[in-house]
Amino acid sequence: RDFSEEKQRNLHVRAVETLVISPSV
């Protein structure tokens, strides 16, 4: 996320949104 969009395209990398649901017990 510290990279510019152009740099992300050039390096072929992207942030992947994740959501984790795990037990509270």
PDB file of all heavy atoms in Angstrom:
ATOM      1  N   ARG A   1       0.818  -1.219   0.000  1.00  0.00           N
ATOM      2  CA  ARG A   1       0.000   0.000   0.000  1.00  0.00           C
ATOM      3  C   ARG A   1       0.850   1.267   0.000  1.00  0.00           C
ATOM      4  O   ARG A   1       0.349   2.342  -0.301  1.00  0.00           O
ATOM      5  CB  ARG A   1      -0.944  -0.004   1.202  1.00  0.00           C
ATOM      6  CG  ARG A   1      -2.079  -1.033   1.071  1.00  0.00           C
ATOM      7  CD  ARG A   1      -3.122  -0.853   2.146  1.00  0.00           C
ATOM      8  NE  ARG A   1      -4.185  -1.846   2.017  1.00  0.00           N
ATOM      9  CZ  ARG A   1      -4.322  -2.902   2.814  1.00  0.00           C
ATOM     10  NH1 ARG A   1      -3.455  -3.098   3.806  1.00  0.00           N
ATOM     11  NH2 ARG A   1      -5.301  -3.761   2.625  1.00  0.00           N
ATOM     12  N   ASP A   2       2.116   1.150   0.339  1.00  0.00           N
ATOM     13  CA  ASP A   2       3.016   2.305   0.281  1.00  0.00           C
ATOM     14  C   ASP A   2       3.466   2.605  -1.148  1.00  0.00           C
ATOM     15  O   ASP A   2       4.035   3.659  -1.410  1.00  0.00           O
ATOM     16  CB  ASP A   2       4.249   2.062   1.168  1.00  0.00           C
ATOM     17  CG  ASP A   2       3.909   2.088   2.653  1.00  0.00           C
ATOM     18  OD1 ASP A   2       2.908   2.735   3.009  1.00  0.00           O
ATOM     19  OD2 ASP A   2       4.646   1.470   3.450  1.00  0.00           O
ATOM     20  N   PHE A   3       3.226   1.667  -2.065  1.00  0.00           N
ATOM     21  CA  PHE A   3       3.605   1.864  -3.461  1.00  0.00           C
ATOM     22  C   PHE A   3       2.536   2.677  -4.181  1.00  0.00           C
ATOM     23  O   PHE A   3       1.349   2.609  -3.844  1.00  0.00           O
ATOM     24  CB  PHE A   3       3.768   0.532  -4.193  1.00  0.00           C
ATOM     25  CG  PHE A   3       4.905  -0.319  -3.691  1.00  0.00           C
ATOM     26  CD1 PHE A   3       5.022  -1.645  -4.094  1.00  0.00           C
ATOM     27  CD2 PHE A   3       5.859   0.192  -2.840  1.00  0.00           C
ATOM     28  CE1 PHE A   3       6.055  -2.434  -3.657  1.00  0.00           C
ATOM     29  CE2 PHE A   3       6.908  -0.592  -2.386  1.00  0.00           C
ATOM     30  CZ  PHE A   3       7.004  -1.915  -2.794  1.00  0.00           C
ATOM     31  N   SER A   4       2.945   3.417  -5.188  1.00  0.00           N
ATOM     32  CA  SER A   4       1.978   4.090  -6.052  1.00  0.00           C
ATOM     33  C   SER A   4       1.299   3.038  -6.931  1.00  0.00           C
ATOM     34  O   SER A   4       1.797   1.919  -7.092  1.00  0.00           O
ATOM     35  CB  SER A   4       2.685   5.118  -6.939  1.00  0.00           C
ATOM     36  OG  SER A   4       3.594   4.466  -7.820  1.00  0.00           O
ATOM     37  N   GLU A   5       0.158   3.413  -7.516  1.00  0.00           N
ATOM     38  CA  GLU A   5      -0.550   2.470  -8.383  1.00  0.00           C
ATOM     39  C   GLU A   5       0.311   2.070  -9.581  1.00  0.00           C
ATOM     40  O   GLU A   5       0.290   0.920 -10.015  1.00  0.00           O
ATOM     41  CB  GLU A   5      -1.863   3.098  -8.863  1.00  0.00           C
ATOM     42  CG  GLU A   5      -2.898   3.272  -7.756  1.00  0.00           C
ATOM     43  CD  GLU A   5      -4.220   3.766  -8.294  1.00  0.00           C
ATOM     44  OE1 GLU A   5      -4.365   3.842  -9.542  1.00  0.00           O
ATOM     45  OE2 GLU A   5      -5.116   4.071  -7.485  1.00  0.00           O
ATOM     46  N   GLU A   6       1.080   3.026 -10.101  1.00  0.00           N
ATOM     47  CA  GLU A   6       1.943   2.736 -11.241  1.00  0.00           C
ATOM     48  C   GLU A   6       3.023   1.718 -10.860  1.00  0.00           C
ATOM     49  O   GLU A   6       3.313   0.780 -11.610  1.00  0.00           O
ATOM     50  CB  GLU A   6       2.590   4.022 -11.755  1.00  0.00           C
ATOM     51  CG  GLU A   6       3.483   3.798 -12.980  1.00  0.00           C
ATOM     52  CD  GLU A   6       4.117   5.091 -13.461  1.00  0.00           C
ATOM     53  OE1 GLU A   6       3.848   6.149 -12.847  1.00  0.00           O
ATOM     54  OE2 GLU A   6       4.886   5.030 -14.448  1.00  0.00           O
ATOM     55  N   LYS A   7       3.611   1.894  -9.677  1.00  0.00           N
ATOM     56  CA  LYS A   7       4.651   0.966  -9.234  1.00  0.00           C
ATOM     57  C   LYS A   7       4.076  -0.426  -8.990  1.00  0.00           C
ATOM     58  O   LYS A   7       4.718  -1.433  -9.298  1.00  0.00           O
ATOM     59  CB  LYS A   7       5.315   1.498  -7.963  1.00  0.00           C
ATOM     60  CG  LYS A   7       6.543   0.695  -7.544  1.00  0.00           C
ATOM     61  CD  LYS A   7       7.269   1.362  -6.388  1.00  0.00           C
ATOM     62  CE  LYS A   7       8.543   0.591  -6.045  1.00  0.00           C
ATOM     63  NZ  LYS A   7       9.291   1.246  -4.935  1.00  0.00           N
ATOM     64  N   GLN A   8       2.853  -0.486  -8.462  1.00  0.00           N
ATOM     65  CA  GLN A   8       2.210  -1.778  -8.260  1.00  0.00           C
ATOM     66  C   GLN A   8       2.001  -2.490  -9.588  1.00  0.00           C
ATOM     67  O   GLN A   8       2.220  -3.696  -9.693  1.00  0.00           O
ATOM     68  CB  GLN A   8       0.870  -1.601  -7.532  1.00  0.00           C
ATOM     69  CG  GLN A   8       0.998  -1.175  -6.083  1.00  0.00           C
ATOM     70  CD  GLN A   8      -0.351  -1.113  -5.383  1.00  0.00           C
ATOM     71  OE1 GLN A   8      -1.238  -1.913  -5.661  1.00  0.00           O
ATOM     72  NE2 GLN A   8      -0.520  -0.153  -4.478  1.00  0.00           N
ATOM     73  N   ARG A   9       1.583  -1.724 -10.614  1.00  0.00           N
ATOM     74  CA  ARG A   9       1.387  -2.327 -11.937  1.00  0.00           C
ATOM     75  C   ARG A   9       2.706  -2.808 -12.516  1.00  0.00           C
ATOM     76  O   ARG A   9       2.780  -3.898 -13.087  1.00  0.00           O
ATOM     77  CB  ARG A   9       0.723  -1.332 -12.885  1.00  0.00           C
ATOM     78  CG  ARG A   9      -0.763  -1.091 -12.610  1.00  0.00           C
ATOM     79  CD  ARG A   9      -1.418  -0.368 -13.780  1.00  0.00           C
ATOM     80  NE  ARG A   9      -0.791   0.934 -14.016  1.00  0.00           N
ATOM     81  CZ  ARG A   9      -1.209   2.067 -13.452  1.00  0.00           C
ATOM     82  NH1 ARG A   9      -2.226   2.040 -12.595  1.00  0.00           N
ATOM     83  NH2 ARG A   9      -0.604   3.205 -13.720  1.00  0.00           N
ATOM     84  N   ASN A  10       3.750  -2.023 -12.371  1.00  0.00           N
ATOM     85  CA  ASN A  10       5.061  -2.395 -12.930  1.00  0.00           C
ATOM     86  C   ASN A  10       5.641  -3.635 -12.248  1.00  0.00           C
ATOM     87  O   ASN A  10       6.294  -4.464 -12.891  1.00  0.00           O
ATOM     88  CB  ASN A  10       6.046  -1.231 -12.811  1.00  0.00           C
ATOM     89  CG  ASN A  10       5.673  -0.056 -13.702  1.00  0.00           C
ATOM     90  OD1 ASN A  10       4.974  -0.226 -14.703  1.00  0.00           O
ATOM     91  ND2 ASN A  10       6.134   1.138 -13.344  1.00  0.00           N
ATOM     92  N   LEU A  11       5.411  -3.751 -10.943  1.00  0.00           N
ATOM     93  CA  LEU A  11       5.945  -4.887 -10.189  1.00  0.00           C
ATOM     94  C   LEU A  11       4.990  -6.074 -10.168  1.00  0.00           C
ATOM     95  O   LEU A  11       5.349  -7.136  -9.634  1.00  0.00           O
ATOM     96  CB  LEU A  11       6.242  -4.456  -8.743  1.00  0.00           C
ATOM     97  CG  LEU A  11       7.347  -3.413  -8.557  1.00  0.00           C
ATOM     98  CD1 LEU A  11       7.444  -3.009  -7.084  1.00  0.00           C
ATOM     99  CD2 LEU A  11       8.691  -3.971  -9.037  1.00  0.00           C
ATOM    100  N   HIS A  12       3.790  -5.891 -10.728  1.00  0.00           N
ATOM    101  CA  HIS A  12       2.777  -6.951 -10.750  1.00  0.00           C
ATOM    102  C   HIS A  12       2.432  -7.424  -9.336  1.00  0.00           C
ATOM    103  O   HIS A  12       2.346  -8.624  -9.056  1.00  0.00           O
ATOM    104  CB  HIS A  12       3.254  -8.143 -11.597  1.00  0.00           C
ATOM    105  CG  HIS A  12       3.571  -7.783 -13.021  1.00  0.00           C
ATOM    106  ND1 HIS A  12       2.604  -7.478 -13.955  1.00  0.00           N
ATOM    107  CD2 HIS A  12       4.774  -7.657 -13.651  1.00  0.00           C
ATOM    108  CE1 HIS A  12       3.177  -7.195 -15.112  1.00  0.00           C
ATOM    109  NE2 HIS A  12       4.493  -7.296 -14.956  1.00  0.00           N
ATOM    110  N   VAL A  13       2.253  -6.456  -8.453  1.00  0.00           N
ATOM    111  CA  VAL A  13       1.838  -6.778  -7.085  1.00  0.00           C
ATOM    112  C   VAL A  13       0.604  -5.952  -6.746  1.00  0.00           C
ATOM    113  O   VAL A  13       0.359  -4.901  -7.336  1.00  0.00           O
ATOM    114  CB  VAL A  13       2.956  -6.482  -6.058  1.00  0.00           C
ATOM    115  CG1 VAL A  13       4.158  -7.372  -6.301  1.00  0.00           C
ATOM    116  CG2 VAL A  13       3.359  -5.011  -6.084  1.00  0.00           C
ATOM    117  N   ARG A  14      -0.176  -6.436  -5.800  1.00  0.00           N
ATOM    118  CA  ARG A  14      -1.380  -5.730  -5.372  1.00  0.00           C
ATOM    119  C   ARG A  14      -1.729  -6.171  -3.960  1.00  0.00           C
ATOM    120  O   ARG A  14      -1.384  -7.272  -3.531  1.00  0.00           O
ATOM    121  CB  ARG A  14      -2.547  -6.036  -6.300  1.00  0.00           C
ATOM    122  CG  ARG A  14      -2.825  -7.520  -6.476  1.00  0.00           C
ATOM    123  CD  ARG A  14      -3.950  -7.778  -7.461  1.00  0.00           C
ATOM    124  NE  ARG A  14      -4.044  -9.186  -7.819  1.00  0.00           N
ATOM    125  CZ  ARG A  14      -4.597 -10.125  -7.081  1.00  0.00           C
ATOM    126  NH1 ARG A  14      -5.142  -9.784  -5.913  1.00  0.00           N
ATOM    127  NH2 ARG A  14      -4.645 -11.386  -7.475  1.00  0.00           N
ATOM    128  N   ALA A  15      -2.374  -5.283  -3.245  1.00  0.00           N
ATOM    129  CA  ALA A  15      -2.855  -5.640  -1.913  1.00  0.00           C
ATOM    130  C   ALA A  15      -4.091  -6.522  -2.057  1.00  0.00           C
ATOM    131  O   ALA A  15      -4.898  -6.328  -2.969  1.00  0.00           O
ATOM    132  CB  ALA A  15      -3.193  -4.385  -1.118  1.00  0.00           C
ATOM    133  N   VAL A  16      -4.207  -7.495  -1.182  1.00  0.00           N
ATOM    134  CA  VAL A  16      -5.344  -8.413  -1.195  1.00  0.00           C
ATOM    135  C   VAL A  16      -6.103  -8.239   0.114  1.00  0.00           C
ATOM    136  O   VAL A  16      -5.585  -8.532   1.194  1.00  0.00           O
ATOM    137  CB  VAL A  16      -4.888  -9.876  -1.349  1.00  0.00           C
ATOM    138  CG1 VAL A  16      -6.098 -10.810  -1.315  1.00  0.00           C
ATOM    139  CG2 VAL A  16      -4.105 -10.061  -2.646  1.00  0.00           C
ATOM    140  N   GLU A  17      -7.325  -7.737   0.002  1.00  0.00           N
ATOM    141  CA  GLU A  17      -8.129  -7.525   1.205  1.00  0.00           C
ATOM    142  C   GLU A  17      -8.487  -8.865   1.836  1.00  0.00           C
ATOM    143  O   GLU A  17      -8.919  -9.799   1.151  1.00  0.00           O
ATOM    144  CB  GLU A  17      -9.409  -6.763   0.848  1.00  0.00           C
ATOM    145  CG  GLU A  17     -10.264  -6.433   2.066  1.00  0.00           C
ATOM    146  CD  GLU A  17     -11.529  -5.686   1.702  1.00  0.00           C
ATOM    147  OE1 GLU A  17     -11.686  -5.308   0.520  1.00  0.00           O
ATOM    148  OE2 GLU A  17     -12.377  -5.481   2.614  1.00  0.00           O
ATOM    149  N   THR A  18      -8.303  -8.954   3.137  1.00  0.00           N
ATOM    150  CA  THR A  18      -8.628 -10.196   3.842  1.00  0.00           C
ATOM    151  C   THR A  18      -9.519  -9.893   5.044  1.00  0.00           C
ATOM    152  O   THR A  18      -9.408  -8.846   5.677  1.00  0.00           O
ATOM    153  CB  THR A  18      -7.361 -10.923   4.338  1.00  0.00           C
ATOM    154  OG1 THR A  18      -6.624 -10.054   5.206  1.00  0.00           O
ATOM    155  CG2 THR A  18      -6.489 -11.347   3.173  1.00  0.00           C
ATOM    156  N   LEU A  19     -10.393 -10.824   5.321  1.00  0.00           N
ATOM    157  CA  LEU A  19     -11.235 -10.771   6.512  1.00  0.00           C
ATOM    158  C   LEU A  19     -11.175 -12.138   7.168  1.00  0.00           C
ATOM    159  O   LEU A  19     -11.388 -13.156   6.500  1.00  0.00           O
ATOM    160  CB  LEU A  19     -12.677 -10.410   6.157  1.00  0.00           C
ATOM    161  CG  LEU A  19     -13.667 -10.402   7.333  1.00  0.00           C
ATOM    162  CD1 LEU A  19     -13.285  -9.351   8.364  1.00  0.00           C
ATOM    163  CD2 LEU A  19     -15.095 -10.164   6.831  1.00  0.00           C
ATOM    164  N   VAL A  20     -10.867 -12.161   8.446  1.00  0.00           N
ATOM    165  CA  VAL A  20     -10.723 -13.417   9.181  1.00  0.00           C
ATOM    166  C   VAL A  20     -11.803 -13.504  10.248  1.00  0.00           C
ATOM    167  O   VAL A  20     -11.983 -12.577  11.042  1.00  0.00           O
ATOM    168  CB  VAL A  20      -9.335 -13.536   9.838  1.00  0.00           C
ATOM    169  CG1 VAL A  20      -9.207 -14.868  10.582  1.00  0.00           C
ATOM    170  CG2 VAL A  20      -8.237 -13.389   8.792  1.00  0.00           C
ATOM    171  N   ILE A  21     -12.520 -14.599  10.257  1.00  0.00           N
ATOM    172  CA  ILE A  21     -13.495 -14.875  11.313  1.00  0.00           C
ATOM    173  C   ILE A  21     -13.045 -16.144  12.022  1.00  0.00           C
ATOM    174  O   ILE A  21     -12.965 -17.212  11.409  1.00  0.00           O
ATOM    175  CB  ILE A  21     -14.915 -15.049  10.750  1.00  0.00           C
ATOM    176  CG1 ILE A  21     -15.345 -13.775  10.021  1.00  0.00           C
ATOM    177  CG2 ILE A  21     -15.903 -15.391  11.868  1.00  0.00           C
ATOM    178  CD1 ILE A  21     -16.715 -13.867   9.375  1.00  0.00           C
ATOM    179  N   SER A  22     -12.730 -16.011  13.292  1.00  0.00           N
ATOM    180  CA  SER A  22     -12.227 -17.154  14.060  1.00  0.00           C
ATOM    181  C   SER A  22     -12.957 -17.236  15.392  1.00  0.00           C
ATOM    182  O   SER A  22     -13.561 -16.256  15.841  1.00  0.00           O
ATOM    183  CB  SER A  22     -10.718 -17.043  14.283  1.00  0.00           C
ATOM    184  OG  SER A  22     -10.400 -15.835  14.943  1.00  0.00           O
ATOM    185  N   PRO A  23     -12.910 -18.391  16.029  1.00  0.00           N
ATOM    186  CA  PRO A  23     -13.689 -18.608  17.257  1.00  0.00           C
ATOM    187  C   PRO A  23     -13.309 -17.666  18.396  1.00  0.00           C
ATOM    188  O   PRO A  23     -12.132 -17.344  18.592  1.00  0.00           O
ATOM    189  CB  PRO A  23     -13.375 -20.062  17.625  1.00  0.00           C
ATOM    190  CG  PRO A  23     -12.934 -20.689  16.344  1.00  0.00           C
ATOM    191  CD  PRO A  23     -12.226 -19.614  15.592  1.00  0.00           C
ATOM    192  N   SER A  24     -14.294 -17.254  19.135  1.00  0.00           N
ATOM    193  CA  SER A  24     -14.090 -16.425  20.326  1.00  0.00           C
ATOM    194  C   SER A  24     -14.007 -17.292  21.580  1.00  0.00           C
ATOM    195  O   SER A  24     -13.899 -16.766  22.688  1.00  0.00           O
ATOM    196  CB  SER A  24     -15.239 -15.413  20.469  1.00  0.00           C
ATOM    197  OG  SER A  24     -16.481 -16.084  20.553  1.00  0.00           O
ATOM    198  N   VAL A  25     -14.085 -18.601  21.392  1.00  0.00           N
ATOM    199  CA  VAL A  25     -14.052 -19.540  22.515  1.00  0.00           C
ATOM    200  C   VAL A  25     -12.980 -20.594  22.257  1.00  0.00           C
ATOM    201  O   VAL A  25     -12.492 -20.739  21.133  1.00  0.00           O
ATOM    202  CB  VAL A  25     -15.419 -20.231  22.708  1.00  0.00           C
ATOM    203  CG1 VAL A  25     -16.475 -19.230  23.137  1.00  0.00           C
ATOM    204  CG2 VAL A  25     -15.842 -20.950  21.431  1.00  0.00           C
TER     205      VAL A  25
END
